[in-house]
């Protein structure tokens, strides 16, 4: 049986690290870059697999809908939410390129991609970042310890200091809520 007290203590420790990640200069810059892109009608593309795919949908829901303030809808697209694209492309070509193909379709210079990967090594997220970089997009990654293969591809890397997937995902939730609030506030001020 899993040591639940140990697991909870680990989650609490990792969650305590969120403040430093959220309040640092990199987060302020990532928020500013995203707000600038959305303010110019450039898209925010968001992707991840499994639980991170659900987080990607959550982020886009906050951007298109609202987070804390009444405001106009923001141009955000979740790359893991279209089952026809996901299954057709993965079946006919490869799952590794399912997000990069959509970056080709929706991305553009000045746009932003936000990728979530607890390991930082999800091949389809890595490929999406490679294509985004070639297109002149800003790249933001939420990962676990070290950042994996996404680290060198990220303009803004938020690597949670843990290898525990549940703990990393808990911190990702806090980070992207902070990110959404910051983007919304920046666009409301402008």
N, C-alpha and C. Protein backbone atom coordinates (compact mmCIF):
# COMPACT_ATOMS: atom_id res chain seq x y z
N UNK A 1 0.84 -1.19 0.00
CA UNK A 1 0.00 0.00 0.00
C UNK A 1 0.88 1.25 0.00
N UNK A 2 0.45 2.23 -0.71
CA UNK A 2 1.19 3.48 -0.80
C UNK A 2 1.17 4.21 0.53
N UNK A 3 2.29 4.81 0.88
CA UNK A 3 2.38 5.62 2.10
C UNK A 3 1.71 6.96 1.83
N UNK A 4 0.44 7.06 2.21
CA UNK A 4 -0.32 8.28 1.90
C UNK A 4 0.21 9.49 2.65
N UNK A 5 0.69 9.32 3.87
CA UNK A 5 1.25 10.46 4.59
C UNK A 5 2.51 10.98 3.91
N UNK A 6 3.34 10.05 3.43
CA UNK A 6 4.55 10.46 2.70
C UNK A 6 4.21 11.15 1.41
N UNK A 7 3.19 10.60 0.72
CA UNK A 7 2.77 11.21 -0.54
C UNK A 7 2.24 12.62 -0.29
N UNK A 8 1.43 12.79 0.76
CA UNK A 8 0.88 14.10 1.06
C UNK A 8 1.97 15.08 1.45
N UNK A 9 2.94 14.63 2.22
CA UNK A 9 4.05 15.50 2.61
C UNK A 9 4.84 15.94 1.38
N UNK A 10 5.07 15.02 0.44
CA UNK A 10 5.77 15.37 -0.80
C UNK A 10 4.97 16.40 -1.59
N UNK A 11 3.67 16.18 -1.71
CA UNK A 11 2.81 17.12 -2.45
C UNK A 11 2.83 18.50 -1.80
N UNK A 12 2.77 18.54 -0.48
CA UNK A 12 2.80 19.83 0.23
C UNK A 12 4.13 20.54 0.00
N UNK A 13 5.23 19.79 0.04
CA UNK A 13 6.55 20.39 -0.19
C UNK A 13 6.65 20.96 -1.60
N UNK A 14 6.23 20.19 -2.58
CA UNK A 14 6.32 20.64 -3.97
C UNK A 14 5.39 21.85 -4.18
N UNK A 15 4.22 21.79 -3.60
CA UNK A 15 3.28 22.90 -3.74
C UNK A 15 3.85 24.19 -3.14
N UNK A 16 4.64 24.04 -2.07
CA UNK A 16 5.25 25.23 -1.46
C UNK A 16 6.24 25.91 -2.41
N UNK A 17 6.74 25.17 -3.39
CA UNK A 17 7.67 25.73 -4.37
C UNK A 17 6.96 26.58 -5.43
N UNK A 18 5.65 26.49 -5.49
CA UNK A 18 4.87 27.20 -6.51
C UNK A 18 5.06 28.70 -6.44
N UNK A 19 5.11 29.22 -5.24
CA UNK A 19 5.22 30.66 -5.05
C UNK A 19 6.44 31.22 -5.80
N UNK A 20 7.57 30.57 -5.66
CA UNK A 20 8.78 31.05 -6.33
C UNK A 20 8.64 30.98 -7.84
N UNK A 21 8.03 29.91 -8.35
CA UNK A 21 7.84 29.78 -9.80
C UNK A 21 6.86 30.83 -10.31
N UNK A 22 5.77 31.03 -9.59
CA UNK A 22 4.72 31.95 -10.05
C UNK A 22 5.14 33.41 -9.96
N UNK A 23 5.83 33.76 -8.90
CA UNK A 23 6.13 35.17 -8.66
C UNK A 23 7.46 35.63 -9.25
N UNK A 24 8.13 34.76 -9.95
CA UNK A 24 9.42 35.13 -10.54
C UNK A 24 9.28 35.98 -11.80
N UNK A 25 10.40 36.52 -12.22
CA UNK A 25 10.46 37.37 -13.41
C UNK A 25 10.03 36.63 -14.68
N UNK A 26 10.39 35.33 -14.77
CA UNK A 26 10.02 34.56 -15.97
C UNK A 26 8.50 34.48 -16.14
N UNK A 27 7.78 34.29 -15.05
CA UNK A 27 6.31 34.23 -15.15
C UNK A 27 5.76 35.58 -15.59
N UNK A 28 6.27 36.66 -15.04
CA UNK A 28 5.81 37.99 -15.45
C UNK A 28 6.06 38.20 -16.94
N UNK A 29 7.20 37.74 -17.43
CA UNK A 29 7.52 37.88 -18.85
C UNK A 29 6.64 36.98 -19.72
N UNK A 30 6.37 35.77 -19.26
CA UNK A 30 5.49 34.85 -20.01
C UNK A 30 4.08 35.40 -20.10
N UNK A 31 3.60 35.97 -19.01
CA UNK A 31 2.27 36.60 -18.99
C UNK A 31 2.25 37.78 -19.96
N UNK A 32 3.27 38.62 -19.91
CA UNK A 32 3.33 39.80 -20.78
C UNK A 32 3.39 39.40 -22.25
N UNK A 33 4.19 38.38 -22.57
CA UNK A 33 4.30 37.92 -23.96
C UNK A 33 2.96 37.36 -24.46
N UNK A 34 2.28 36.62 -23.61
CA UNK A 34 0.99 36.04 -24.00
C UNK A 34 -0.07 37.13 -24.16
N UNK A 35 -0.11 38.05 -23.22
CA UNK A 35 -1.08 39.15 -23.31
C UNK A 35 -0.82 39.99 -24.57
N UNK A 36 0.44 40.23 -24.89
CA UNK A 36 0.77 41.00 -26.10
C UNK A 36 0.31 40.27 -27.35
N UNK A 37 0.54 38.96 -27.40
CA UNK A 37 0.12 38.18 -28.56
C UNK A 37 -1.41 38.20 -28.70
N UNK A 38 -2.10 37.91 -27.61
CA UNK A 38 -3.57 37.89 -27.65
C UNK A 38 -4.14 39.27 -27.97
N UNK A 39 -3.47 40.31 -27.48
CA UNK A 39 -3.90 41.68 -27.77
C UNK A 39 -3.78 42.03 -29.25
N UNK A 40 -2.91 41.32 -29.96
CA UNK A 40 -2.73 41.53 -31.41
C UNK A 40 -3.46 40.46 -32.22
N UNK A 41 -4.38 39.74 -31.55
CA UNK A 41 -5.17 38.68 -32.20
C UNK A 41 -4.32 37.51 -32.69
N UNK A 42 -3.16 37.30 -32.06
CA UNK A 42 -2.37 36.11 -32.33
C UNK A 42 -2.86 35.01 -31.39
N UNK A 43 -2.88 33.76 -31.81
CA UNK A 43 -3.44 32.71 -30.95
C UNK A 43 -2.50 32.22 -29.85
N UNK A 44 -3.13 31.70 -28.82
CA UNK A 44 -2.46 30.92 -27.79
C UNK A 44 -2.85 29.48 -28.05
N UNK A 45 -1.88 28.64 -28.41
CA UNK A 45 -2.10 27.21 -28.62
C UNK A 45 -1.66 26.47 -27.37
N UNK A 46 -2.46 25.50 -26.92
CA UNK A 46 -2.15 24.79 -25.69
C UNK A 46 -2.24 23.29 -25.94
N UNK A 47 -1.26 22.52 -25.43
CA UNK A 47 -1.27 21.08 -25.66
C UNK A 47 -0.67 20.30 -24.51
N UNK A 48 -1.08 19.04 -24.41
CA UNK A 48 -0.57 18.11 -23.43
C UNK A 48 -1.25 16.77 -23.64
N UNK A 49 -0.78 15.75 -22.97
CA UNK A 49 -1.31 14.39 -23.07
C UNK A 49 -1.92 13.96 -21.74
N UNK A 50 -2.94 13.10 -21.80
CA UNK A 50 -3.52 12.54 -20.58
C UNK A 50 -4.07 13.62 -19.68
N UNK A 51 -3.63 13.62 -18.41
CA UNK A 51 -4.06 14.65 -17.46
C UNK A 51 -3.67 16.04 -17.93
N UNK A 52 -2.53 16.13 -18.61
CA UNK A 52 -2.10 17.43 -19.14
C UNK A 52 -2.97 17.89 -20.29
N UNK A 53 -3.59 16.95 -21.02
CA UNK A 53 -4.56 17.31 -22.06
C UNK A 53 -5.79 17.93 -21.41
N UNK A 54 -6.21 17.37 -20.28
CA UNK A 54 -7.34 17.95 -19.55
C UNK A 54 -6.98 19.33 -19.03
N UNK A 55 -5.74 19.51 -18.57
CA UNK A 55 -5.28 20.83 -18.13
C UNK A 55 -5.27 21.81 -19.30
N UNK A 56 -4.85 21.35 -20.48
CA UNK A 56 -4.84 22.21 -21.66
C UNK A 56 -6.26 22.69 -21.97
N UNK A 57 -7.22 21.78 -21.88
CA UNK A 57 -8.62 22.17 -22.11
C UNK A 57 -9.07 23.17 -21.06
N UNK A 58 -8.67 22.96 -19.82
CA UNK A 58 -9.03 23.85 -18.72
C UNK A 58 -8.51 25.27 -19.00
N UNK A 59 -7.24 25.37 -19.38
CA UNK A 59 -6.63 26.67 -19.67
C UNK A 59 -7.39 27.38 -20.78
N UNK A 60 -7.68 26.67 -21.86
CA UNK A 60 -8.39 27.27 -22.99
C UNK A 60 -9.79 27.69 -22.58
N UNK A 61 -10.43 26.88 -21.74
CA UNK A 61 -11.75 27.26 -21.23
C UNK A 61 -11.71 28.58 -20.47
N UNK A 62 -10.65 28.78 -19.68
CA UNK A 62 -10.51 30.04 -18.93
C UNK A 62 -10.25 31.21 -19.88
N UNK A 63 -9.52 30.97 -20.97
CA UNK A 63 -9.17 32.05 -21.89
C UNK A 63 -10.34 32.42 -22.82
N UNK A 64 -11.01 31.43 -23.33
CA UNK A 64 -12.13 31.71 -24.24
C UNK A 64 -13.34 32.21 -23.44
N UNK A 65 -13.58 31.58 -22.31
CA UNK A 65 -14.69 31.98 -21.45
C UNK A 65 -14.31 33.20 -20.63
N UNK A 66 -14.00 32.94 -19.40
CA UNK A 66 -13.51 33.98 -18.49
C UNK A 66 -12.85 33.29 -17.33
N UNK A 67 -11.93 33.98 -16.67
CA UNK A 67 -11.33 33.44 -15.47
C UNK A 67 -11.93 34.16 -14.27
N UNK A 68 -11.55 35.41 -14.05
CA UNK A 68 -12.08 36.17 -12.92
C UNK A 68 -12.84 37.42 -13.35
N UNK A 69 -12.66 37.85 -14.58
CA UNK A 69 -13.23 39.13 -15.02
C UNK A 69 -14.08 38.95 -16.27
N UNK A 70 -15.10 39.78 -16.37
CA UNK A 70 -15.87 39.83 -17.61
C UNK A 70 -15.02 40.56 -18.65
N UNK A 71 -14.88 39.94 -19.81
CA UNK A 71 -14.04 40.52 -20.86
C UNK A 71 -14.36 39.80 -22.16
N UNK A 72 -13.73 40.27 -23.23
CA UNK A 72 -13.94 39.62 -24.53
C UNK A 72 -13.29 38.24 -24.53
N UNK A 73 -13.75 37.40 -25.41
CA UNK A 73 -13.13 36.08 -25.57
C UNK A 73 -11.72 36.23 -26.12
N UNK A 74 -10.83 35.36 -25.70
CA UNK A 74 -9.45 35.39 -26.18
C UNK A 74 -9.22 34.22 -27.13
N UNK A 75 -8.36 34.45 -28.12
CA UNK A 75 -8.10 33.46 -29.17
C UNK A 75 -7.16 32.38 -28.64
N UNK A 76 -7.76 31.34 -28.05
CA UNK A 76 -6.99 30.23 -27.51
C UNK A 76 -7.54 28.93 -28.09
N UNK A 77 -6.64 28.02 -28.43
CA UNK A 77 -7.02 26.75 -29.06
C UNK A 77 -6.32 25.61 -28.33
N UNK A 78 -7.10 24.62 -27.93
CA UNK A 78 -6.54 23.41 -27.31
C UNK A 78 -6.27 22.39 -28.40
N UNK A 79 -5.02 22.00 -28.56
CA UNK A 79 -4.63 21.09 -29.64
C UNK A 79 -4.97 19.63 -29.35
N UNK A 80 -5.43 19.35 -28.14
CA UNK A 80 -5.79 17.96 -27.81
C UNK A 80 -7.30 17.76 -27.72
N UNK A 81 -8.09 18.71 -28.19
CA UNK A 81 -9.54 18.60 -27.97
C UNK A 81 -10.36 18.28 -29.21
N UNK A 82 -9.73 18.06 -30.36
CA UNK A 82 -10.48 17.72 -31.57
C UNK A 82 -10.24 16.25 -31.90
N UNK A 83 -11.19 15.38 -31.52
CA UNK A 83 -10.96 13.94 -31.73
C UNK A 83 -10.81 13.54 -33.20
N UNK A 84 -11.46 14.25 -34.10
CA UNK A 84 -11.32 13.90 -35.52
C UNK A 84 -9.89 14.14 -35.99
N UNK A 85 -9.32 15.27 -35.62
CA UNK A 85 -7.94 15.57 -36.00
C UNK A 85 -6.99 14.60 -35.31
N UNK A 86 -7.16 14.40 -34.01
CA UNK A 86 -6.27 13.52 -33.25
C UNK A 86 -6.24 12.10 -33.81
N UNK A 87 -7.43 11.55 -34.08
CA UNK A 87 -7.47 10.16 -34.52
C UNK A 87 -7.11 9.99 -35.98
N UNK A 88 -7.55 10.91 -36.82
CA UNK A 88 -7.23 10.79 -38.25
C UNK A 88 -5.73 10.94 -38.48
N UNK A 89 -5.14 11.99 -37.92
CA UNK A 89 -3.72 12.23 -38.14
C UNK A 89 -2.88 11.13 -37.49
N UNK A 90 -3.22 10.74 -36.27
CA UNK A 90 -2.46 9.69 -35.59
C UNK A 90 -2.55 8.36 -36.32
N UNK A 91 -3.71 8.04 -36.84
CA UNK A 91 -3.90 6.79 -37.56
C UNK A 91 -3.15 6.80 -38.90
N UNK A 92 -3.27 7.89 -39.63
CA UNK A 92 -2.69 7.95 -40.97
C UNK A 92 -1.21 8.31 -40.99
N UNK A 93 -0.74 9.04 -39.97
CA UNK A 93 0.65 9.49 -39.94
C UNK A 93 1.33 9.05 -38.64
N UNK A 94 1.25 9.89 -37.61
CA UNK A 94 1.85 9.49 -36.33
C UNK A 94 1.33 10.37 -35.19
N UNK A 95 1.24 9.74 -34.03
CA UNK A 95 0.83 10.49 -32.84
C UNK A 95 1.91 11.50 -32.46
N UNK A 96 3.14 11.22 -32.81
CA UNK A 96 4.25 12.11 -32.49
C UNK A 96 4.10 13.49 -33.16
N UNK A 97 3.39 13.55 -34.29
CA UNK A 97 3.25 14.82 -35.01
C UNK A 97 1.83 15.40 -34.95
N UNK A 98 0.99 14.85 -34.07
CA UNK A 98 -0.40 15.31 -34.03
C UNK A 98 -0.54 16.77 -33.59
N UNK A 99 0.35 17.25 -32.71
CA UNK A 99 0.28 18.64 -32.30
C UNK A 99 1.06 19.55 -33.25
N UNK A 100 2.19 19.09 -33.74
CA UNK A 100 2.98 19.92 -34.66
C UNK A 100 2.21 20.21 -35.93
N UNK A 101 1.41 19.25 -36.39
CA UNK A 101 0.58 19.48 -37.58
C UNK A 101 -0.40 20.62 -37.32
N UNK A 102 -0.97 20.65 -36.13
CA UNK A 102 -1.91 21.71 -35.80
C UNK A 102 -1.21 23.06 -35.59
N UNK A 103 0.04 23.02 -35.12
CA UNK A 103 0.82 24.25 -35.04
C UNK A 103 1.01 24.81 -36.44
N UNK A 104 1.26 23.94 -37.42
CA UNK A 104 1.35 24.38 -38.81
C UNK A 104 0.05 25.06 -39.25
N UNK A 105 -1.08 24.52 -38.82
CA UNK A 105 -2.38 25.05 -39.24
C UNK A 105 -2.74 26.36 -38.54
N UNK A 106 -2.49 26.46 -37.24
CA UNK A 106 -2.99 27.59 -36.45
C UNK A 106 -1.92 28.56 -35.98
N UNK A 107 -0.67 28.13 -35.98
CA UNK A 107 0.40 28.96 -35.46
C UNK A 107 0.82 30.03 -36.45
N UNK A 108 1.47 31.04 -35.92
CA UNK A 108 2.00 32.12 -36.75
C UNK A 108 3.03 32.89 -35.94
N UNK A 109 3.86 33.65 -36.61
CA UNK A 109 4.85 34.47 -35.92
C UNK A 109 4.13 35.39 -34.95
N UNK A 110 4.67 35.49 -33.75
CA UNK A 110 4.07 36.34 -32.73
C UNK A 110 3.04 35.64 -31.87
N UNK A 111 2.66 34.42 -32.23
CA UNK A 111 1.72 33.65 -31.43
C UNK A 111 2.48 32.97 -30.28
N UNK A 112 1.74 32.26 -29.43
CA UNK A 112 2.32 31.60 -28.26
C UNK A 112 1.85 30.16 -28.22
N UNK A 113 2.73 29.26 -27.82
CA UNK A 113 2.34 27.88 -27.52
C UNK A 113 2.68 27.61 -26.06
N UNK A 114 1.74 26.99 -25.36
CA UNK A 114 1.92 26.57 -23.98
C UNK A 114 1.78 25.05 -23.96
N UNK A 115 2.85 24.37 -23.58
CA UNK A 115 2.83 22.90 -23.53
C UNK A 115 3.00 22.40 -22.11
N UNK A 116 2.23 21.36 -21.78
CA UNK A 116 2.32 20.74 -20.46
C UNK A 116 2.81 19.31 -20.63
N UNK A 117 3.84 18.95 -19.89
CA UNK A 117 4.38 17.60 -19.92
C UNK A 117 5.10 17.36 -18.60
N UNK A 118 4.61 16.45 -17.79
CA UNK A 118 5.23 16.24 -16.48
C UNK A 118 6.69 15.80 -16.61
N UNK A 119 7.01 15.05 -17.65
CA UNK A 119 8.40 14.61 -17.87
C UNK A 119 9.20 15.64 -18.66
N UNK A 120 8.51 16.43 -19.47
CA UNK A 120 9.19 17.33 -20.39
C UNK A 120 9.65 16.62 -21.65
N UNK A 121 9.28 15.35 -21.78
CA UNK A 121 9.77 14.54 -22.90
C UNK A 121 8.67 14.01 -23.81
N UNK A 122 7.45 14.47 -23.67
CA UNK A 122 6.37 14.00 -24.53
C UNK A 122 6.70 14.35 -25.97
N UNK A 123 6.88 13.32 -26.80
CA UNK A 123 7.37 13.53 -28.16
C UNK A 123 6.49 14.47 -28.97
N UNK A 124 5.17 14.37 -28.82
CA UNK A 124 4.30 15.23 -29.62
C UNK A 124 4.35 16.69 -29.15
N UNK A 125 4.56 16.92 -27.87
CA UNK A 125 4.70 18.29 -27.38
C UNK A 125 6.05 18.85 -27.81
N UNK A 126 7.09 18.04 -27.72
CA UNK A 126 8.43 18.46 -28.17
C UNK A 126 8.40 18.84 -29.64
N UNK A 127 7.78 18.01 -30.48
CA UNK A 127 7.69 18.31 -31.92
C UNK A 127 6.90 19.59 -32.17
N UNK A 128 5.84 19.80 -31.41
CA UNK A 128 5.05 21.03 -31.55
C UNK A 128 5.91 22.25 -31.24
N UNK A 129 6.74 22.16 -30.21
CA UNK A 129 7.62 23.27 -29.86
C UNK A 129 8.66 23.51 -30.94
N UNK A 130 9.17 22.46 -31.55
CA UNK A 130 10.14 22.63 -32.63
C UNK A 130 9.52 23.40 -33.80
N UNK A 131 8.31 23.03 -34.18
CA UNK A 131 7.62 23.71 -35.28
C UNK A 131 7.26 25.14 -34.88
N UNK A 132 6.83 25.33 -33.64
CA UNK A 132 6.49 26.67 -33.15
C UNK A 132 7.71 27.58 -33.19
N UNK A 133 8.85 27.07 -32.78
CA UNK A 133 10.08 27.86 -32.82
C UNK A 133 10.40 28.29 -34.26
N UNK A 134 10.27 27.35 -35.20
CA UNK A 134 10.53 27.66 -36.61
C UNK A 134 9.57 28.72 -37.13
N UNK A 135 8.36 28.76 -36.58
CA UNK A 135 7.35 29.73 -37.02
C UNK A 135 7.49 31.09 -36.33
N UNK A 136 8.41 31.21 -35.38
CA UNK A 136 8.60 32.49 -34.68
C UNK A 136 7.62 32.70 -33.54
N UNK A 137 7.18 31.61 -32.93
CA UNK A 137 6.25 31.69 -31.81
C UNK A 137 7.00 31.69 -30.49
N UNK A 138 6.39 32.27 -29.47
CA UNK A 138 6.91 32.19 -28.11
C UNK A 138 6.52 30.83 -27.53
N UNK A 139 7.43 30.19 -26.82
CA UNK A 139 7.19 28.86 -26.27
C UNK A 139 7.25 28.89 -24.74
N UNK A 140 6.20 28.36 -24.12
CA UNK A 140 6.09 28.30 -22.66
C UNK A 140 5.83 26.85 -22.28
N UNK A 141 6.63 26.31 -21.37
CA UNK A 141 6.45 24.91 -20.96
C UNK A 141 6.26 24.80 -19.45
N UNK A 142 5.31 23.96 -19.07
CA UNK A 142 5.13 23.54 -17.69
C UNK A 142 5.54 22.07 -17.63
N UNK A 143 6.58 21.78 -16.86
CA UNK A 143 7.14 20.43 -16.82
C UNK A 143 7.42 20.03 -15.38
N UNK A 144 8.03 18.86 -15.25
CA UNK A 144 8.57 18.43 -13.97
C UNK A 144 10.05 18.78 -13.90
N UNK A 145 10.71 18.24 -12.90
CA UNK A 145 12.11 18.53 -12.61
C UNK A 145 13.01 18.47 -13.85
N UNK A 146 13.75 19.53 -14.07
CA UNK A 146 14.73 19.57 -15.15
C UNK A 146 14.20 20.02 -16.49
N UNK A 147 12.93 19.80 -16.76
CA UNK A 147 12.33 20.26 -18.01
C UNK A 147 12.46 19.30 -19.17
N UNK A 148 13.28 18.27 -19.07
CA UNK A 148 13.41 17.28 -20.13
C UNK A 148 13.80 17.91 -21.46
N UNK A 149 13.32 17.31 -22.55
CA UNK A 149 13.64 17.78 -23.90
C UNK A 149 12.99 19.13 -24.22
N UNK A 150 11.98 19.52 -23.44
CA UNK A 150 11.35 20.83 -23.67
C UNK A 150 12.20 21.98 -23.17
N UNK A 151 13.10 21.72 -22.24
CA UNK A 151 13.90 22.79 -21.64
C UNK A 151 14.60 23.67 -22.68
N UNK A 152 15.39 23.10 -23.61
CA UNK A 152 16.08 23.97 -24.56
C UNK A 152 15.17 24.59 -25.61
N UNK A 153 13.94 24.11 -25.71
CA UNK A 153 12.99 24.64 -26.70
C UNK A 153 12.06 25.70 -26.12
N UNK A 154 12.22 25.99 -24.83
CA UNK A 154 11.28 26.87 -24.13
C UNK A 154 11.87 28.25 -23.89
N UNK A 155 11.12 29.25 -24.32
CA UNK A 155 11.48 30.62 -23.95
C UNK A 155 11.24 30.83 -22.47
N UNK A 156 10.17 30.21 -21.96
CA UNK A 156 9.80 30.31 -20.55
C UNK A 156 9.52 28.91 -20.04
N UNK A 157 10.40 28.41 -19.20
CA UNK A 157 10.28 27.06 -18.65
C UNK A 157 9.92 27.15 -17.17
N UNK A 158 8.86 26.43 -16.80
CA UNK A 158 8.45 26.34 -15.41
C UNK A 158 8.53 24.87 -15.02
N UNK A 159 9.71 24.48 -14.52
CA UNK A 159 10.01 23.09 -14.20
C UNK A 159 9.77 22.88 -12.70
N UNK A 160 8.72 22.17 -12.39
CA UNK A 160 8.36 21.89 -11.00
C UNK A 160 9.42 20.94 -10.43
N UNK A 161 10.00 21.26 -9.27
CA UNK A 161 11.09 20.45 -8.73
C UNK A 161 10.62 19.13 -8.11
N UNK A 162 10.12 18.26 -8.96
CA UNK A 162 9.64 16.95 -8.51
C UNK A 162 9.60 16.00 -9.69
N UNK A 163 9.59 14.70 -9.38
CA UNK A 163 9.38 13.67 -10.40
C UNK A 163 8.09 12.92 -10.15
N UNK A 164 7.33 13.37 -9.19
CA UNK A 164 6.04 12.76 -8.85
C UNK A 164 4.95 13.39 -9.71
N UNK A 165 4.37 12.60 -10.62
CA UNK A 165 3.37 13.14 -11.54
C UNK A 165 2.22 13.83 -10.82
N UNK A 166 1.61 13.24 -9.78
CA UNK A 166 0.51 13.95 -9.12
C UNK A 166 0.95 15.28 -8.51
N UNK A 167 2.13 15.32 -7.89
CA UNK A 167 2.61 16.57 -7.30
C UNK A 167 2.87 17.61 -8.37
N UNK A 168 3.47 17.20 -9.47
CA UNK A 168 3.73 18.13 -10.58
C UNK A 168 2.42 18.69 -11.12
N UNK A 169 1.44 17.83 -11.31
CA UNK A 169 0.15 18.29 -11.84
C UNK A 169 -0.55 19.25 -10.88
N UNK A 170 -0.41 19.03 -9.58
CA UNK A 170 -1.00 19.97 -8.61
C UNK A 170 -0.37 21.35 -8.74
N UNK A 171 0.94 21.38 -8.89
CA UNK A 171 1.62 22.67 -9.03
C UNK A 171 1.28 23.30 -10.38
N UNK A 172 1.19 22.49 -11.44
CA UNK A 172 0.79 23.03 -12.74
C UNK A 172 -0.54 23.76 -12.64
N UNK A 173 -1.49 23.18 -11.94
CA UNK A 173 -2.80 23.82 -11.77
C UNK A 173 -2.65 25.20 -11.14
N UNK A 174 -1.87 25.29 -10.08
CA UNK A 174 -1.64 26.59 -9.43
C UNK A 174 -0.95 27.57 -10.38
N UNK A 175 0.05 27.07 -11.10
CA UNK A 175 0.79 27.94 -12.02
C UNK A 175 -0.09 28.44 -13.15
N UNK A 176 -0.90 27.57 -13.75
CA UNK A 176 -1.68 28.06 -14.88
C UNK A 176 -2.87 28.90 -14.44
N UNK A 177 -3.37 28.70 -13.24
CA UNK A 177 -4.39 29.63 -12.74
C UNK A 177 -3.77 31.02 -12.55
N UNK A 178 -2.57 31.07 -11.99
CA UNK A 178 -1.87 32.34 -11.83
C UNK A 178 -1.62 32.98 -13.19
N UNK A 179 -1.19 32.17 -14.15
CA UNK A 179 -0.94 32.63 -15.51
C UNK A 179 -2.22 33.20 -16.13
N UNK A 180 -3.33 32.49 -16.02
CA UNK A 180 -4.59 32.97 -16.58
C UNK A 180 -5.02 34.29 -15.94
N UNK A 181 -4.89 34.38 -14.63
CA UNK A 181 -5.25 35.61 -13.93
C UNK A 181 -4.37 36.76 -14.39
N UNK A 182 -3.08 36.49 -14.57
CA UNK A 182 -2.15 37.53 -15.01
C UNK A 182 -2.42 38.00 -16.42
N UNK A 183 -2.71 37.08 -17.33
CA UNK A 183 -3.02 37.45 -18.72
C UNK A 183 -4.30 38.28 -18.75
N UNK A 184 -5.30 37.81 -18.03
CA UNK A 184 -6.58 38.53 -17.99
C UNK A 184 -6.40 39.94 -17.42
N UNK A 185 -5.64 40.07 -16.34
CA UNK A 185 -5.41 41.38 -15.74
C UNK A 185 -4.65 42.29 -16.71
N UNK A 186 -3.64 41.75 -17.38
CA UNK A 186 -2.85 42.55 -18.33
C UNK A 186 -3.71 43.07 -19.47
N UNK A 187 -4.62 42.24 -19.97
CA UNK A 187 -5.47 42.67 -21.07
C UNK A 187 -6.56 43.62 -20.61
N UNK A 188 -6.96 43.51 -19.37
CA UNK A 188 -7.97 44.44 -18.82
C UNK A 188 -7.38 45.82 -18.59
N UNK A 189 -6.08 45.87 -18.29
CA UNK A 189 -5.41 47.15 -18.06
C UNK A 189 -5.15 47.89 -19.35
N UNK A 190 -4.93 47.10 -20.44
CA UNK A 190 -4.56 47.69 -21.73
C UNK A 190 -5.75 48.22 -22.41
